[in-house]
Amino acid sequence: MEAGHKVMLTDRKFLLVEGVRHVESFDENEITLNTTMGFLILKGEGLHINQLDLEKGNLTAEGFFTSLLFQEDRSRGRVKGKNVLKRLLK
């Protein structure tokens, strides 16, 4: 069974994310994560990753967070699209 997903933001400065699979990209203005619940895009100023443990799926980061955006897992979207197409062609 896959690990759970948790996002905890304290004072818009300290972030803990559980359920991280991979860090897609990062710089001081944006961190993009692939998580067990899809993609998570973190935006802000002066962002930096303090700790990353992909075996446990944990990430901690600091900075001033202005936005947390969740996107559906891209692979899940493709599967849904195929199912819709199959239903239409029946």
Foldseek 3Di string as FASTA:
>chain_A
DADDWDWDADPQFKIKIAFFQDFPDDDQAWTWTQGPFGIKIWGDGRKDWDDDDNVRRMTMIGDRTDDIDGDGHPVVVVVVVVVVVVVVVD
